Amino acid sequence: MVYELMGIIDKGNGVPVTELVDESKRSGLTDEQVDGAVKILMSEGRCYEPRIGILRRV
C-alpha cells in the first residue's frame, strides 16, 4: 500500500516523507507500519532517498 501511495503522490520530484505518512494514516496505517514498509522497500531497492526527507520509487 505504501509503495502504491508513493506512486500516486509523486508528481515527478519525489514524495516528502511527511506527506507519505499523512496519506498512509488516512488509509489506516500507523507510523510504525509506514516506517517499516519504507525500510523494507529501501532494502529491496524499490525506493530510495535522493534527498533527506524525500523518497522516490524505482
PDB file of N, CA and C in Angstrom:
ATOM      1  N   MET A   1       0.822  -1.185   0.000  1.00  0.00           N
ATOM      2  CA  MET A   1       0.000   0.000   0.000  1.00  0.00           C
ATOM      3  C   MET A   1       0.878   1.266   0.000  1.00  0.00           C
ATOM      4  N   VAL A   2       1.931   1.255   0.781  1.00  0.00           N
ATOM      5  CA  VAL A   2       2.813   2.416   0.857  1.00  0.00           C
ATOM      6  C   VAL A   2       3.468   2.670  -0.499  1.00  0.00           C
ATOM      7  N   TYR A   3       3.898   1.608  -1.171  1.00  0.00           N
ATOM      8  CA  TYR A   3       4.519   1.746  -2.487  1.00  0.00           C
ATOM      9  C   TYR A   3       3.536   2.358  -3.481  1.00  0.00           C
ATOM     10  N   GLU A   4       2.302   1.906  -3.452  1.00  0.00           N
ATOM     11  CA  GLU A   4       1.271   2.440  -4.348  1.00  0.00           C
ATOM     12  C   GLU A   4       0.991   3.910  -4.043  1.00  0.00           C
ATOM     13  N   LEU A   5       0.919   4.265  -2.767  1.00  0.00           N
ATOM     14  CA  LEU A   5       0.698   5.664  -2.393  1.00  0.00           C
ATOM     15  C   LEU A   5       1.836   6.550  -2.875  1.00  0.00           C
ATOM     16  N   MET A   6       3.053   6.042  -2.817  1.00  0.00           N
ATOM     17  CA  MET A   6       4.191   6.821  -3.313  1.00  0.00           C
ATOM     18  C   MET A   6       3.997   7.152  -4.783  1.00  0.00           C
ATOM     19  N   GLY A   7       3.529   6.189  -5.545  1.00  0.00           N
ATOM     20  CA  GLY A   7       3.303   6.411  -6.971  1.00  0.00           C
ATOM     21  C   GLY A   7       2.205   7.412  -7.235  1.00  0.00           C
ATOM     22  N   ILE A   8       1.176   7.392  -6.403  1.00  0.00           N
ATOM     23  CA  ILE A   8       0.051   8.321  -6.570  1.00  0.00           C
ATOM     24  C   ILE A   8       0.448   9.743  -6.187  1.00  0.00           C
ATOM     25  N   ILE A   9       1.186   9.884  -5.095  1.00  0.00           N
ATOM     26  CA  ILE A   9       1.548  11.209  -4.578  1.00  0.00           C
ATOM     27  C   ILE A   9       2.637  11.868  -5.415  1.00  0.00           C
ATOM     28  N   ASP A  10       3.577  11.081  -5.919  1.00  0.00           N
ATOM     29  CA  ASP A  10       4.747  11.627  -6.622  1.00  0.00           C
ATOM     30  C   ASP A  10       4.343  12.335  -7.910  1.00  0.00           C
ATOM     31  N   LYS A  11       4.716  13.595  -7.996  1.00  0.00           N
ATOM     32  CA  LYS A  11       4.439  14.404  -9.193  1.00  0.00           C
ATOM     33  C   LYS A  11       5.706  14.599 -10.017  1.00  0.00           C
ATOM     34  N   GLY A  12       6.728  13.780  -9.750  1.00  0.00           N
ATOM     35  CA  GLY A  12       7.956  13.858 -10.526  1.00  0.00           C
ATOM     36  C   GLY A  12       9.169  14.310  -9.732  1.00  0.00           C
ATOM     37  N   ASN A  13       8.952  14.848  -8.537  1.00  0.00           N
ATOM     38  CA  ASN A  13      10.060  15.337  -7.724  1.00  0.00           C
ATOM     39  C   ASN A  13      10.285  14.501  -6.480  1.00  0.00           C
ATOM     40  N   GLY A  14       9.612  13.370  -6.383  1.00  0.00           N
ATOM     41  CA  GLY A  14       9.702  12.549  -5.188  1.00  0.00           C
ATOM     42  C   GLY A  14       8.559  12.855  -4.237  1.00  0.00           C
ATOM     43  N   VAL A  15       8.531  12.120  -3.146  1.00  0.00           N
ATOM     44  CA  VAL A  15       7.452  12.243  -2.170  1.00  0.00           C
ATOM     45  C   VAL A  15       8.031  12.656  -0.824  1.00  0.00           C
ATOM     46  N   PRO A  16       7.572  13.772  -0.262  1.00  0.00           N
ATOM     47  CA  PRO A  16       8.011  14.118   1.093  1.00  0.00           C
ATOM     48  C   PRO A  16       7.539  13.038   2.071  1.00  0.00           C
ATOM     49  N   VAL A  17       8.428  12.616   2.949  1.00  0.00           N
ATOM     50  CA  VAL A  17       8.102  11.556   3.898  1.00  0.00           C
ATOM     51  C   VAL A  17       6.894  11.953   4.745  1.00  0.00           C
ATOM     52  N   THR A  18       6.825  13.206   5.151  1.00  0.00           N
ATOM     53  CA  THR A  18       5.698  13.650   5.982  1.00  0.00           C
ATOM     54  C   THR A  18       4.373  13.504   5.244  1.00  0.00           C
ATOM     55  N   GLU A  19       4.364  13.808   3.968  1.00  0.00           N
ATOM     56  CA  GLU A  19       3.143  13.666   3.173  1.00  0.00           C
ATOM     57  C   GLU A  19       2.772  12.191   3.008  1.00  0.00           C
ATOM     58  N   LEU A  20       3.774  11.343   2.810  1.00  0.00           N
ATOM     59  CA  LEU A  20       3.526   9.911   2.690  1.00  0.00           C
ATOM     60  C   LEU A  20       2.935   9.356   3.986  1.00  0.00           C
ATOM     61  N   VAL A  21       3.468   9.778   5.119  1.00  0.00           N
ATOM     62  CA  VAL A  21       2.954   9.325   6.414  1.00  0.00           C
ATOM     63  C   VAL A  21       1.519   9.794   6.609  1.00  0.00           C
ATOM     64  N   ASP A  22       1.243  11.055   6.293  1.00  0.00           N
ATOM     65  CA  ASP A  22      -0.115  11.589   6.450  1.00  0.00           C
ATOM     66  C   ASP A  22      -1.115  10.821   5.593  1.00  0.00           C
ATOM     67  N   GLU A  23      -0.768  10.580   4.336  1.00  0.00           N
ATOM     68  CA  GLU A  23      -1.668   9.849   3.438  1.00  0.00           C
ATOM     69  C   GLU A  23      -1.842   8.404   3.892  1.00  0.00           C
ATOM     70  N   SER A  24      -0.776   7.803   4.370  1.00  0.00           N
ATOM     71  CA  SER A  24      -0.850   6.419   4.844  1.00  0.00           C
ATOM     72  C   SER A  24      -1.744   6.318   6.075  1.00  0.00           C
ATOM     73  N   LYS A  25      -1.659   7.309   6.956  1.00  0.00           N
ATOM     74  CA  LYS A  25      -2.514   7.327   8.150  1.00  0.00           C
ATOM     75  C   LYS A  25      -3.984   7.425   7.754  1.00  0.00           C
ATOM     76  N   ARG A  26      -4.271   8.216   6.742  1.00  0.00           N
ATOM     77  CA  ARG A  26      -5.657   8.328   6.263  1.00  0.00           C
ATOM     78  C   ARG A  26      -6.159   6.991   5.729  1.00  0.00           C
ATOM     79  N   SER A  27      -5.228   6.162   5.284  1.00  0.00           N
ATOM     80  CA  SER A  27      -5.586   4.838   4.770  1.00  0.00           C
ATOM     81  C   SER A  27      -5.630   3.783   5.873  1.00  0.00           C
ATOM     82  N   GLY A  28      -5.365   4.199   7.109  1.00  0.00           N
ATOM     83  CA  GLY A  28      -5.483   3.290   8.241  1.00  0.00           C
ATOM     84  C   GLY A  28      -4.190   2.699   8.762  1.00  0.00           C
ATOM     85  N   LEU A  29      -3.045   3.135   8.256  1.00  0.00           N
ATOM     86  CA  LEU A  29      -1.767   2.606   8.732  1.00  0.00           C
ATOM     87  C   LEU A  29      -1.237   3.451   9.887  1.00  0.00           C
ATOM     88  N   THR A  30      -0.387   2.849  10.696  1.00  0.00           N
ATOM     89  CA  THR A  30       0.249   3.577  11.793  1.00  0.00           C
ATOM     90  C   THR A  30       1.618   4.086  11.343  1.00  0.00           C
ATOM     91  N   ASP A  31       2.203   4.978  12.132  1.00  0.00           N
ATOM     92  CA  ASP A  31       3.554   5.477  11.836  1.00  0.00           C
ATOM     93  C   ASP A  31       4.546   4.325  11.744  1.00  0.00           C
ATOM     94  N   GLU A  32       4.423   3.377  12.673  1.00  0.00           N
ATOM     95  CA  GLU A  32       5.348   2.252  12.710  1.00  0.00           C
ATOM     96  C   GLU A  32       5.215   1.381  11.458  1.00  0.00           C
ATOM     97  N   GLN A  33       3.996   1.183  10.988  1.00  0.00           N
ATOM     98  CA  GLN A  33       3.788   0.382   9.780  1.00  0.00           C
ATOM     99  C   GLN A  33       4.391   1.072   8.562  1.00  0.00           C
ATOM    100  N   VAL A  34       4.216   2.378   8.471  1.00  0.00           N
ATOM    101  CA  VAL A  34       4.769   3.129   7.339  1.00  0.00           C
ATOM    102  C   VAL A  34       6.293   3.083   7.390  1.00  0.00           C
ATOM    103  N   ASP A  35       6.857   3.323   8.557  1.00  0.00           N
ATOM    104  CA  ASP A  35       8.306   3.302   8.707  1.00  0.00           C
ATOM    105  C   ASP A  35       8.865   1.936   8.333  1.00  0.00           C
ATOM    106  N   GLY A  36       8.217   0.881   8.806  1.00  0.00           N
ATOM    107  CA  GLY A  36       8.655  -0.471   8.479  1.00  0.00           C
ATOM    108  C   GLY A  36       8.554  -0.756   6.990  1.00  0.00           C
ATOM    109  N   ALA A  37       7.464  -0.318   6.381  1.00  0.00           N
ATOM    110  CA  ALA A  37       7.272  -0.540   4.945  1.00  0.00           C
ATOM    111  C   ALA A  37       8.339   0.191   4.136  1.00  0.00           C
ATOM    112  N   VAL A  38       8.645   1.428   4.520  1.00  0.00           N
ATOM    113  CA  VAL A  38       9.661   2.202   3.800  1.00  0.00           C
ATOM    114  C   VAL A  38      11.024   1.524   3.926  1.00  0.00           C
ATOM    115  N   LYS A  39      11.353   1.046   5.118  1.00  0.00           N
ATOM    116  CA  LYS A  39      12.640   0.364   5.309  1.00  0.00           C
ATOM    117  C   LYS A  39      12.729  -0.891   4.445  1.00  0.00           C
ATOM    118  N   ILE A  40      11.642  -1.641   4.381  1.00  0.00           N
ATOM    119  CA  ILE A  40      11.624  -2.847   3.552  1.00  0.00           C
ATOM    120  C   ILE A  40      11.768  -2.480   2.081  1.00  0.00           C
ATOM    121  N   LEU A  41      11.016  -1.469   1.636  1.00  0.00           N
ATOM    122  CA  LEU A  41      11.099  -1.046   0.239  1.00  0.00           C
ATOM    123  C   LEU A  41      12.509  -0.580  -0.115  1.00  0.00           C
ATOM    124  N   MET A  42      13.149   0.147   0.792  1.00  0.00           N
ATOM    125  CA  MET A  42      14.517   0.605   0.535  1.00  0.00           C
ATOM    126  C   MET A  42      15.486  -0.574   0.497  1.00  0.00           C
ATOM    127  N   SER A  43      15.326  -1.527   1.400  1.00  0.00           N
ATOM    128  CA  SER A  43      16.246  -2.668   1.421  1.00  0.00           C
ATOM    129  C   SER A  43      16.064  -3.555   0.191  1.00  0.00           C
ATOM    130  N   GLU A  44      14.859  -3.567  -0.363  1.00  0.00           N
ATOM    131  CA  GLU A  44      14.589  -4.341  -1.581  1.00  0.00           C
ATOM    132  C   GLU A  44      14.977  -3.572  -2.842  1.00  0.00           C
ATOM    133  N   GLY A  45      15.373  -2.308  -2.691  1.00  0.00           N
ATOM    134  CA  GLY A  45      15.755  -1.496  -3.836  1.00  0.00           C
ATOM    135  C   GLY A  45      14.569  -0.961  -4.621  1.00  0.00           C
ATOM    136  N   ARG A  46      13.396  -0.927  -4.010  1.00  0.00           N
ATOM    137  CA  ARG A  46      12.194  -0.453  -4.702  1.00  0.00           C
ATOM    138  C   ARG A  46      11.976   1.042  -4.538  1.00  0.00           C
ATOM    139  N   CYS A  47      12.692   1.672  -3.585  1.00  0.00           N
ATOM    140  CA  CYS A  47      12.644   3.128  -3.449  1.00  0.00           C
ATOM    141  C   CYS A  47      13.970   3.577  -2.858  1.00  0.00           C
ATOM    142  N   TYR A  48      14.232   4.861  -2.954  1.00  0.00           N
ATOM    143  CA  TYR A  48      15.454   5.426  -2.405  1.00  0.00           C
ATOM    144  C   TYR A  48      15.188   6.847  -1.936  1.00  0.00           C
ATOM    145  N   GLU A  49      16.154   7.413  -1.236  1.00  0.00           N
ATOM    146  CA  GLU A  49      16.009   8.752  -0.671  1.00  0.00           C
ATOM    147  C   GLU A  49      17.054   9.662  -1.323  1.00  0.00           C
ATOM    148  N   PRO A  50      16.673  10.341  -2.430  1.00  0.00           N
ATOM    149  CA  PRO A  50      17.647  11.193  -3.135  1.00  0.00           C
ATOM    150  C   PRO A  50      18.076  12.408  -2.306  1.00  0.00           C
ATOM    151  N   ARG A  51      17.190  12.875  -1.463  1.00  0.00           N
ATOM    152  CA  ARG A  51      17.466  13.972  -0.525  1.00  0.00           C
ATOM    153  C   ARG A  51      16.824  13.592   0.803  1.00  0.00           C
ATOM    154  N   ILE A  52      17.356  14.091   1.869  1.00  0.00           N
ATOM    155  CA  ILE A  52      16.792  13.782   3.184  1.00  0.00           C
ATOM    156  C   ILE A  52      15.353  14.235   3.232  1.00  0.00           C
ATOM    157  N   GLY A  53      14.466  13.316   3.614  1.00  0.00           N
ATOM    158  CA  GLY A  53      13.047  13.629   3.735  1.00  0.00           C
ATOM    159  C   GLY A  53      12.237  13.470   2.468  1.00  0.00           C
ATOM    160  N   ILE A  54      12.888  13.034   1.371  1.00  0.00           N
ATOM    161  CA  ILE A  54      12.213  12.834   0.093  1.00  0.00           C
ATOM    162  C   ILE A  54      12.451  11.393  -0.361  1.00  0.00           C
ATOM    163  N   LEU A  55      11.386  10.707  -0.767  1.00  0.00           N
ATOM    164  CA  LEU A  55      11.501   9.347  -1.263  1.00  0.00           C
ATOM    165  C   LEU A  55      11.072   9.284  -2.731  1.00  0.00           C
ATOM    166  N   ARG A  56      11.721   8.386  -3.462  1.00  0.00           N
ATOM    167  CA  ARG A  56      11.350   8.156  -4.867  1.00  0.00           C
ATOM    168  C   ARG A  56      11.270   6.668  -5.111  1.00  0.00           C
ATOM    169  N   ARG A  57      10.280   6.277  -5.890  1.00  0.00           N
ATOM    170  CA  ARG A  57      10.161   4.879  -6.294  1.00  0.00           C
ATOM    171  C   ARG A  57      11.152   4.579  -7.399  1.00  0.00           C
ATOM    172  N   VAL A  58      11.535   3.328  -7.504  1.00  0.00           N
ATOM    173  CA  VAL A  58      12.433   2.894  -8.585  1.00  0.00           C
ATOM    174  C   VAL A  58      11.583   2.265  -9.661  1.00  0.00           C
TER     175      VAL A  58
END
